[in-house]
Structure formats: C-alpha cells, structure tokens
Amino acid sequence: MSLKDRENSILEYLSQNREASVDELCEKLFVSVATMRRDLKALAEKGKIIRTHGGAFLNKFPGESIPQELREREFVEEKDIIAKKCLDLINDGDSIMVDASSTCLQLMNNLGAKNSIVVITNSTKAPAVSSKTGVKTIVCGGIASKTSFGYVGSIAEEVIRKFNADICFFSVCSLSPDGILTNNSTSENQLCRVMLEQSKKSVLLINSQKLNEPKKLNTLCSLKDIDYIVSEKDISDKFPEYREKFIW
C-alpha cells in the first residue's frame, strides 16, 4: 500500500471512529509500529490529525483553536520535557505568571519540586493542580474562554494587573519562520499581554511541532520581545538571530 493510500485509510478510519491507537491502526492497515508513527507524524504536520499519547484524533478544527481537552492529550511527552526544563529557570520564592495553555498546565503539575513559590494564572484547572502540588496559587477569574480552560476579559486583566511576577510562562499556537508568535483567540492574546507586562522576564514554551503551523489570526509578539525560549529539542538553528535565548 502506498503512502497516499495509507494516509487516506487512516483518515477514513478516524472519521468513523472518534479516536484510534497506534496498535489499532497497525492492525487495520497491516503495517509496523514504526511505519504508522511516521505516517501519523506526516499527517499531523499537514494539520489533518491531532496526535495523542499512543494514538490520534481526526482534526476537525483546521484553522481554529483546538479545544483544550484535545490539546492536553497531544504531545504529552514533549510537554513534560519542556515543563521539566522550565524548572531550572524558577528559583525558590519566585512569583510566576502562567497562562492557561496545555503546556503550561504540565508545568504547573511539576511545580511541587519548588519551595515557597506563588503562581498567578488564568487557568480554571489551577485549583485542582495546586491541591496536588501544594503550591500557593492565585486564579484571576473572569469570563471562561470557549476554547481553553482559562479566564479572559476585562475582569481577568484587571486582577492580573494587581500582581507583579518574576517570570511569565506562556505558549502560543504558532511560531512562524520570521519569529512571530500568533494565536487564534484575541481575548487570550490580550490577557497574555497583560501577564507579560506584569512580569520581569518572559519564557515561551513551544513544541517544535508548532513551527510547522501557519500564522494564526492574531499576533501576540515576536521572539525579540521575550527573554527565553524552551522546546523539547534544540530548534535554535531555525532562529539563529535569537540563538542565545534558547534553553535546551
């Protein structure tokens, strides 16, 4: 079976089933695990599917913000690598701003390793996480976003402006070759801008997969505006002008 035929078969199967594992697809198409993983990676890069830990979803949201419950299930290992790297940037006693992205949620899950830190966030999931980690957490409140488990709007922005942080951790939907960071949600971007303004330093958490994404609706900022960039692997060669900002 050719690559094109395999890809069509995968997409057809996913359109009929809400989700499929790698093993399930291998059995269906009579291919090896290695071949299936390559095929799924190719389809994900084309925006056709959403990869999860051990499987895939059909991407029914091309050009739109993928719902948070799906984003939390894709690239889990990569997000955990990024989160653990970020810990080296946090000192005991720091106050940090954290956005409501799925990558930053993974960071919050790892913050129990730090002492006496304070988290300021717009994440609606933060209370559940802090109950496990024991980290002091301030949640801004506001209007619950339709595309993420996060608060946005004037109330959220007003509360965030009342606090000052040592570091802001955030993520975006796309990092373009010219170093522009974009998202689909203008309200989430505006909340993130306030977080960045209220923080001494800024750290972008970016999965290398997002380098393949086209620019989204609204520009947040560019790489020149932030202090550090953390990815699951070294992608600094893509942005030589900002090589010193990358943590790997």
C-alpha atoms as a PDB file:
ATOM      1  CA  MET A   1       0.000   0.000   0.000  1.00  0.00           C
ATOM      2  CA  SER A   2       1.404   3.415  -0.970  1.00  0.00           C
ATOM      3  CA  LEU A   3       1.884   6.265   1.496  1.00  0.00           C
ATOM      4  CA  LYS A   4      -1.032   8.190  -0.005  1.00  0.00           C
ATOM      5  CA  ASP A   5      -3.311   5.142   0.250  1.00  0.00           C
ATOM      6  CA  ARG A   6      -2.253   4.583   3.864  1.00  0.00           C
ATOM      7  CA  GLU A   7      -2.922   8.199   4.755  1.00  0.00           C
ATOM      8  CA  ASN A   8      -6.362   8.055   3.139  1.00  0.00           C
ATOM      9  CA  SER A   9      -7.142   4.851   5.012  1.00  0.00           C
ATOM     10  CA  ILE A  10      -6.046   6.383   8.313  1.00  0.00           C
ATOM     11  CA  LEU A  11      -8.195   9.471   7.750  1.00  0.00           C
ATOM     12  CA  GLU A  12     -11.180   7.361   6.742  1.00  0.00           C
ATOM     13  CA  TYR A  13     -10.832   5.199   9.844  1.00  0.00           C
ATOM     14  CA  LEU A  14     -10.524   8.230  12.123  1.00  0.00           C
ATOM     15  CA  SER A  15     -13.577   9.829  10.534  1.00  0.00           C
ATOM     16  CA  GLN A  16     -15.586   6.754  11.505  1.00  0.00           C
ATOM     17  CA  ASN A  17     -14.068   6.371  14.972  1.00  0.00           C
ATOM     18  CA  ARG A  18     -13.576   9.181  17.461  1.00  0.00           C
ATOM     19  CA  GLU A  19     -10.039   8.048  18.266  1.00  0.00           C
ATOM     20  CA  ALA A  20      -7.584   5.279  17.373  1.00  0.00           C
ATOM     21  CA  SER A  21      -4.408   3.927  18.923  1.00  0.00           C
ATOM     22  CA  VAL A  22      -1.216   3.195  17.001  1.00  0.00           C
ATOM     23  CA  ASP A  23      -1.658  -0.536  17.581  1.00  0.00           C
ATOM     24  CA  GLU A  24      -5.247  -0.398  16.342  1.00  0.00           C
ATOM     25  CA  LEU A  25      -4.215   1.383  13.139  1.00  0.00           C
ATOM     26  CA  CYS A  26      -1.304  -1.010  12.592  1.00  0.00           C
ATOM     27  CA  GLU A  27      -3.676  -3.956  12.764  1.00  0.00           C
ATOM     28  CA  LYS A  28      -6.111  -2.249  10.415  1.00  0.00           C
ATOM     29  CA  LEU A  29      -3.504  -1.359   7.765  1.00  0.00           C
ATOM     30  CA  PHE A  30      -1.102  -4.301   8.290  1.00  0.00           C
ATOM     31  CA  VAL A  31       1.952  -2.085   8.863  1.00  0.00           C
ATOM     32  CA  SER A  32       4.645  -1.865  11.535  1.00  0.00           C
ATOM     33  CA  VAL A  33       4.520   0.478  14.504  1.00  0.00           C
ATOM     34  CA  ALA A  34       7.465   2.469  13.107  1.00  0.00           C
ATOM     35  CA  THR A  35       5.694   2.956   9.768  1.00  0.00           C
ATOM     36  CA  MET A  36       2.467   4.006  11.454  1.00  0.00           C
ATOM     37  CA  ARG A  37       4.224   6.529  13.655  1.00  0.00           C
ATOM     38  CA  ARG A  38       5.877   8.064  10.586  1.00  0.00           C
ATOM     39  CA  ASP A  39       2.518   8.228   8.805  1.00  0.00           C
ATOM     40  CA  LEU A  40       0.821   9.852  11.787  1.00  0.00           C
ATOM     41  CA  LYS A  41       3.649  12.367  12.119  1.00  0.00           C
ATOM     42  CA  ALA A  42       3.267  13.296   8.442  1.00  0.00           C
ATOM     43  CA  LEU A  43      -0.500  13.708   8.772  1.00  0.00           C
ATOM     44  CA  ALA A  44      -0.087  15.818  11.916  1.00  0.00           C
ATOM     45  CA  GLU A  45       2.372  18.100  10.123  1.00  0.00           C
ATOM     46  CA  LYS A  46      -0.227  18.575   7.381  1.00  0.00           C
ATOM     47  CA  GLY A  47      -2.809  19.500  10.010  1.00  0.00           C
ATOM     48  CA  LYS A  48      -5.016  16.521   9.158  1.00  0.00           C
ATOM     49  CA  ILE A  49      -4.874  14.821  12.553  1.00  0.00           C
ATOM     50  CA  ILE A  50      -4.109  15.575  16.184  1.00  0.00           C
ATOM     51  CA  ARG A  51      -1.559  13.217  17.689  1.00  0.00           C
ATOM     52  CA  THR A  52      -2.103  11.951  21.209  1.00  0.00           C
ATOM     53  CA  HIS A  53      -0.048   9.782  23.511  1.00  0.00           C
ATOM     54  CA  GLY A  54      -0.210   6.434  21.696  1.00  0.00           C
ATOM     55  CA  GLY A  55      -2.703   7.379  19.008  1.00  0.00           C
ATOM     56  CA  ALA A  56      -4.503  10.115  17.100  1.00  0.00           C
ATOM     57  CA  PHE A  57      -7.707  12.115  16.561  1.00  0.00           C
ATOM     58  CA  LEU A  58      -9.046  13.445  13.282  1.00  0.00           C
ATOM     59  CA  ASN A  59      -8.509  17.215  13.254  1.00  0.00           C
ATOM     60  CA  LYS A  60     -11.981  18.676  12.898  1.00  0.00           C
ATOM     61  CA  PHE A  61     -10.758  22.159  13.729  1.00  0.00           C
ATOM     62  CA  PRO A  62      -8.430  23.235  10.875  1.00  0.00           C
ATOM     63  CA  GLY A  63      -7.632  26.933  11.118  1.00  0.00           C
ATOM     64  CA  GLU A  64      -9.332  27.159  14.522  1.00  0.00           C
ATOM     65  CA  SER A  65      -8.219  26.802  18.120  1.00  0.00           C
ATOM     66  CA  ILE A  66      -8.224  23.137  19.069  1.00  0.00           C
ATOM     67  CA  PRO A  67     -10.309  22.587  22.211  1.00  0.00           C
ATOM     68  CA  GLN A  68      -8.212  22.315  25.366  1.00  0.00           C
ATOM     69  CA  GLU A  69      -9.392  18.811  26.224  1.00  0.00           C
ATOM     70  CA  LEU A  70      -7.843  17.606  22.958  1.00  0.00           C
ATOM     71  CA  ARG A  71      -4.685  19.699  23.273  1.00  0.00           C
ATOM     72  CA  GLU A  72      -3.992  18.207  26.689  1.00  0.00           C
ATOM     73  CA  ARG A  73      -3.841  14.754  25.108  1.00  0.00           C
ATOM     74  CA  GLU A  74      -1.435  15.554  22.285  1.00  0.00           C
ATOM     75  CA  PHE A  75       2.380  15.596  22.555  1.00  0.00           C
ATOM     76  CA  VAL A  76       2.252  14.661  26.241  1.00  0.00           C
ATOM     77  CA  GLU A  77       5.881  13.507  26.416  1.00  0.00           C
ATOM     78  CA  GLU A  78       7.137  16.643  24.659  1.00  0.00           C
ATOM     79  CA  LYS A  79       5.207  18.891  27.046  1.00  0.00           C
ATOM     80  CA  ASP A  80       6.639  17.095  30.049  1.00  0.00           C
ATOM     81  CA  ILE A  81      10.185  17.570  28.731  1.00  0.00           C
ATOM     82  CA  ILE A  82       9.512  21.280  28.258  1.00  0.00           C
ATOM     83  CA  ALA A  83       7.971  21.611  31.712  1.00  0.00           C
ATOM     84  CA  LYS A  84      10.938  19.994  33.449  1.00  0.00           C
ATOM     85  CA  LYS A  85      13.381  22.249  31.585  1.00  0.00           C
ATOM     86  CA  CYS A  86      11.452  25.298  32.810  1.00  0.00           C
ATOM     87  CA  LEU A  87      12.018  24.310  36.429  1.00  0.00           C
ATOM     88  CA  ASP A  88      15.671  25.341  36.073  1.00  0.00           C
ATOM     89  CA  LEU A  89      14.515  28.919  35.419  1.00  0.00           C
ATOM     90  CA  ILE A  90      12.468  29.129  38.627  1.00  0.00           C
ATOM     91  CA  ASN A  91      14.072  29.985  41.957  1.00  0.00           C
ATOM     92  CA  ASP A  92      12.579  29.124  45.330  1.00  0.00           C
ATOM     93  CA  GLY A  93      10.464  32.070  46.452  1.00  0.00           C
ATOM     94  CA  ASP A  94       9.673  33.297  42.929  1.00  0.00           C
ATOM     95  CA  SER A  95       6.275  34.572  41.882  1.00  0.00           C
ATOM     96  CA  ILE A  96       5.332  33.397  38.388  1.00  0.00           C
ATOM     97  CA  MET A  97       2.594  34.152  35.870  1.00  0.00           C
ATOM     98  CA  VAL A  98       1.332  31.082  33.995  1.00  0.00           C
ATOM     99  CA  ASP A  99      -1.181  31.120  31.141  1.00  0.00           C
ATOM    100  CA  ALA A 100      -3.952  28.558  30.552  1.00  0.00           C
ATOM    101  CA  SER A 101      -2.217  26.623  27.759  1.00  0.00           C
ATOM    102  CA  SER A 102      -1.928  22.836  27.973  1.00  0.00           C
ATOM    103  CA  THR A 103       1.883  23.080  28.028  1.00  0.00           C
ATOM    104  CA  CYS A 104       1.794  25.476  30.976  1.00  0.00           C
ATOM    105  CA  LEU A 105      -0.673  23.168  32.722  1.00  0.00           C
ATOM    106  CA  GLN A 106       2.017  20.497  32.546  1.00  0.00           C
ATOM    107  CA  LEU A 107       4.465  22.975  34.062  1.00  0.00           C
ATOM    108  CA  MET A 108       2.073  23.602  36.966  1.00  0.00           C
ATOM    109  CA  ASN A 109       1.886  19.846  37.535  1.00  0.00           C
ATOM    110  CA  ASN A 110       5.663  19.874  38.114  1.00  0.00           C
ATOM    111  CA  LEU A 111       5.904  22.904  40.419  1.00  0.00           C
ATOM    112  CA  GLY A 112       5.750  20.833  43.608  1.00  0.00           C
ATOM    113  CA  ALA A 113       9.515  20.446  43.226  1.00  0.00           C
ATOM    114  CA  LYS A 114       9.951  24.141  44.115  1.00  0.00           C
ATOM    115  CA  ASN A 115       9.667  25.830  47.520  1.00  0.00           C
ATOM    116  CA  SER A 116       7.704  28.932  48.538  1.00  0.00           C
ATOM    117  CA  ILE A 117       6.678  29.966  45.022  1.00  0.00           C
ATOM    118  CA  VAL A 118       3.447  31.750  44.117  1.00  0.00           C
ATOM    119  CA  VAL A 119       1.556  31.109  40.882  1.00  0.00           C
ATOM    120  CA  ILE A 120      -0.706  33.752  39.322  1.00  0.00           C
ATOM    121  CA  THR A 121      -2.760  32.288  36.495  1.00  0.00           C
ATOM    122  CA  ASN A 122      -5.944  32.480  34.426  1.00  0.00           C
ATOM    123  CA  SER A 123      -6.241  28.682  34.291  1.00  0.00           C
ATOM    124  CA  THR A 124      -9.544  27.254  35.529  1.00  0.00           C
ATOM    125  CA  LYS A 125      -7.731  23.973  36.219  1.00  0.00           C
ATOM    126  CA  ALA A 126      -5.175  25.557  38.543  1.00  0.00           C
ATOM    127  CA  PRO A 127      -7.064  24.903  41.817  1.00  0.00           C
ATOM    128  CA  ALA A 128      -7.186  21.164  41.111  1.00  0.00           C
ATOM    129  CA  VAL A 129      -3.466  21.154  40.304  1.00  0.00           C
ATOM    130  CA  SER A 130      -2.479  23.203  43.363  1.00  0.00           C
ATOM    131  CA  SER A 131      -4.410  20.819  45.616  1.00  0.00           C
ATOM    132  CA  LYS A 132      -1.975  18.110  44.474  1.00  0.00           C
ATOM    133  CA  THR A 133       1.258  20.112  44.410  1.00  0.00           C
ATOM    134  CA  GLY A 134       0.636  22.313  47.456  1.00  0.00           C
ATOM    135  CA  VAL A 135       1.767  25.409  45.537  1.00  0.00           C
ATOM    136  CA  LYS A 136       0.131  28.711  46.526  1.00  0.00           C
ATOM    137  CA  THR A 137      -1.981  29.709  43.532  1.00  0.00           C
ATOM    138  CA  ILE A 138      -3.945  32.854  42.682  1.00  0.00           C
ATOM    139  CA  VAL A 139      -6.583  32.484  39.938  1.00  0.00           C
ATOM    140  CA  CYS A 140      -7.825  35.695  38.341  1.00  0.00           C
ATOM    141  CA  GLY A 141     -11.433  34.791  37.476  1.00  0.00           C
ATOM    142  CA  GLY A 142     -13.338  36.435  34.626  1.00  0.00           C
ATOM    143  CA  ILE A 143     -15.092  35.096  31.532  1.00  0.00           C
ATOM    144  CA  ALA A 144     -14.380  31.433  30.796  1.00  0.00           C
ATOM    145  CA  SER A 145     -12.886  31.068  27.309  1.00  0.00           C
ATOM    146  CA  LYS A 146     -14.732  28.825  24.849  1.00  0.00           C
ATOM    147  CA  THR A 147     -11.523  27.292  23.507  1.00  0.00           C
ATOM    148  CA  SER A 148      -9.421  26.875  26.641  1.00  0.00           C
ATOM    149  CA  PHE A 149      -9.844  26.202  30.323  1.00  0.00           C
ATOM    150  CA  GLY A 150      -8.877  29.798  31.020  1.00  0.00           C
ATOM    151  CA  TYR A 151     -10.390  33.110  32.093  1.00  0.00           C
ATOM    152  CA  VAL A 152     -10.277  36.153  29.809  1.00  0.00           C
ATOM    153  CA  GLY A 153     -11.840  39.606  29.590  1.00  0.00           C
ATOM    154  CA  SER A 154     -11.607  42.883  31.493  1.00  0.00           C
ATOM    155  CA  ILE A 155     -12.106  41.348  34.949  1.00  0.00           C
ATOM    156  CA  ALA A 156      -9.289  38.856  34.394  1.00  0.00           C
ATOM    157  CA  GLU A 157      -6.994  41.591  33.069  1.00  0.00           C
ATOM    158  CA  GLU A 158      -7.788  43.897  35.989  1.00  0.00           C
ATOM    159  CA  VAL A 159      -6.922  41.212  38.531  1.00  0.00           C
ATOM    160  CA  ILE A 160      -3.674  40.258  36.767  1.00  0.00           C
ATOM    161  CA  ARG A 161      -2.589  43.938  36.800  1.00  0.00           C
ATOM    162  CA  LYS A 162      -2.742  43.904  40.614  1.00  0.00           C
ATOM    163  CA  PHE A 163       0.220  41.484  40.750  1.00  0.00           C
ATOM    164  CA  ASN A 164       3.885  41.591  39.792  1.00  0.00           C
ATOM    165  CA  ALA A 165       5.853  38.476  38.894  1.00  0.00           C
ATOM    166  CA  ASP A 166       9.444  37.414  38.411  1.00  0.00           C
ATOM    167  CA  ILE A 167       8.703  35.306  35.317  1.00  0.00           C
ATOM    168  CA  CYS A 168       5.818  34.789  32.899  1.00  0.00           C
ATOM    169  CA  PHE A 169       5.467  31.357  31.264  1.00  0.00           C
ATOM    170  CA  PHE A 170       3.245  31.171  28.196  1.00  0.00           C
ATOM    171  CA  SER A 171       2.647  29.286  24.962  1.00  0.00           C
ATOM    172  CA  VAL A 172       1.152  30.007  21.530  1.00  0.00           C
ATOM    173  CA  CYS A 173      -0.472  28.166  18.621  1.00  0.00           C
ATOM    174  CA  SER A 174       2.196  29.055  16.080  1.00  0.00           C
ATOM    175  CA  LEU A 175       5.789  30.287  15.804  1.00  0.00           C
ATOM    176  CA  SER A 176       6.444  31.378  12.222  1.00  0.00           C
ATOM    177  CA  PRO A 177       9.862  31.356  10.480  1.00  0.00           C
ATOM    178  CA  ASP A 178      10.151  35.139  10.922  1.00  0.00           C
ATOM    179  CA  GLY A 179       9.829  34.783  14.698  1.00  0.00           C
ATOM    180  CA  ILE A 180       6.212  35.939  15.032  1.00  0.00           C
ATOM    181  CA  LEU A 181       4.058  34.352  17.756  1.00  0.00           C
ATOM    182  CA  THR A 182       0.348  34.022  16.935  1.00  0.00           C
ATOM    183  CA  ASN A 183      -2.904  32.649  18.358  1.00  0.00           C
ATOM    184  CA  ASN A 184      -6.487  32.387  17.126  1.00  0.00           C
ATOM    185  CA  SER A 185      -8.040  33.984  20.209  1.00  0.00           C
ATOM    186  CA  THR A 186      -7.692  37.771  20.505  1.00  0.00           C
ATOM    187  CA  SER A 187      -9.024  37.730  24.080  1.00  0.00           C
ATOM    188  CA  GLU A 188      -6.464  35.114  25.197  1.00  0.00           C
ATOM    189  CA  ASN A 189      -3.715  37.125  23.499  1.00  0.00           C
ATOM    190  CA  GLN A 190      -4.784  40.291  25.321  1.00  0.00           C
ATOM    191  CA  LEU A 191      -4.734  38.528  28.692  1.00  0.00           C
ATOM    192  CA  CYS A 192      -1.272  37.146  27.910  1.00  0.00           C
ATOM    193  CA  ARG A 193      -0.005  40.640  27.015  1.00  0.00           C
ATOM    194  CA  VAL A 194      -1.033  41.849  30.463  1.00  0.00           C
ATOM    195  CA  MET A 195       0.802  38.912  32.063  1.00  0.00           C
ATOM    196  CA  LEU A 196       3.925  39.756  30.088  1.00  0.00           C
ATOM    197  CA  GLU A 197       3.714  43.429  31.094  1.00  0.00           C
ATOM    198  CA  GLN A 198       3.473  42.477  34.772  1.00  0.00           C
ATOM    199  CA  SER A 199       6.490  40.160  34.706  1.00  0.00           C
ATOM    200  CA  LYS A 200      10.222  40.904  34.871  1.00  0.00           C
ATOM    201  CA  LYS A 201      11.102  38.092  32.462  1.00  0.00           C
ATOM    202  CA  SER A 202       9.201  36.074  29.872  1.00  0.00           C
ATOM    203  CA  VAL A 203       9.561  32.443  28.812  1.00  0.00           C
ATOM    204  CA  LEU A 204       7.961  30.938  25.709  1.00  0.00           C
ATOM    205  CA  LEU A 205       7.099  27.237  25.972  1.00  0.00           C
ATOM    206  CA  ILE A 206       6.932  25.905  22.417  1.00  0.00           C
ATOM    207  CA  ASN A 207       6.554  22.420  20.988  1.00  0.00           C
ATOM    208  CA  SER A 208       8.709  22.083  17.860  1.00  0.00           C
ATOM    209  CA  GLN A 209       5.596  20.873  16.024  1.00  0.00           C
ATOM    210  CA  LYS A 210       4.233  24.432  16.156  1.00  0.00           C
ATOM    211  CA  LEU A 211       6.997  25.584  13.807  1.00  0.00           C
ATOM    212  CA  ASN A 212       5.028  23.834  11.061  1.00  0.00           C
ATOM    213  CA  GLU A 213       1.835  25.746  11.784  1.00  0.00           C
ATOM    214  CA  PRO A 214       0.819  28.722   9.603  1.00  0.00           C
ATOM    215  CA  LYS A 215       0.322  32.103  11.251  1.00  0.00           C
ATOM    216  CA  LYS A 216      -2.926  32.303  13.199  1.00  0.00           C
ATOM    217  CA  LEU A 217      -5.477  35.129  13.361  1.00  0.00           C
ATOM    218  CA  ASN A 218      -3.877  37.419  15.947  1.00  0.00           C
ATOM    219  CA  THR A 219      -0.246  38.342  16.612  1.00  0.00           C
ATOM    220  CA  LEU A 220       0.867  38.271  20.245  1.00  0.00           C
ATOM    221  CA  CYS A 221       4.502  39.373  19.933  1.00  0.00           C
ATOM    222  CA  SER A 222       7.793  38.281  18.381  1.00  0.00           C
ATOM    223  CA  LEU A 223      10.873  36.445  19.636  1.00  0.00           C
ATOM    224  CA  LYS A 224      12.704  39.739  20.057  1.00  0.00           C
ATOM    225  CA  ASP A 225      10.194  40.678  22.772  1.00  0.00           C
ATOM    226  CA  ILE A 226      10.818  37.684  25.059  1.00  0.00           C
ATOM    227  CA  ASP A 227      13.742  36.540  27.217  1.00  0.00           C
ATOM    228  CA  TYR A 228      13.832  32.737  26.912  1.00  0.00           C
ATOM    229  CA  ILE A 229      12.502  30.008  24.617  1.00  0.00           C
ATOM    230  CA  VAL A 230      12.072  26.418  25.809  1.00  0.00           C
ATOM    231  CA  SER A 231      11.313  23.498  23.494  1.00  0.00           C
ATOM    232  CA  GLU A 232      11.546  19.717  23.802  1.00  0.00           C
ATOM    233  CA  LYS A 233      14.526  19.728  21.426  1.00  0.00           C
ATOM    234  CA  ASP A 234      17.056  22.170  20.033  1.00  0.00           C
ATOM    235  CA  ILE A 235      15.348  24.350  17.386  1.00  0.00           C
ATOM    236  CA  SER A 236      17.732  27.299  17.711  1.00  0.00           C
ATOM    237  CA  ASP A 237      19.129  26.683  14.227  1.00  0.00           C
ATOM    238  CA  LYS A 238      15.766  27.837  12.846  1.00  0.00           C
ATOM    239  CA  PHE A 239      16.237  31.228  14.527  1.00  0.00           C
ATOM    240  CA  PRO A 240      19.991  31.989  14.580  1.00  0.00           C
ATOM    241  CA  GLU A 241      19.342  35.644  15.438  1.00  0.00           C
ATOM    242  CA  TYR A 242      17.861  34.555  18.772  1.00  0.00           C
ATOM    243  CA  ARG A 243      20.095  31.555  19.495  1.00  0.00           C
ATOM    244  CA  GLU A 244      21.151  32.860  22.924  1.00  0.00           C
ATOM    245  CA  LYS A 245      17.524  32.848  24.115  1.00  0.00           C
ATOM    246  CA  PHE A 246      17.004  29.109  23.680  1.00  0.00           C
ATOM    247  CA  ILE A 247      17.117  26.704  26.618  1.00  0.00           C
ATOM    248  CA  TRP A 248      17.818  23.065  25.765  1.00  0.00           C
END
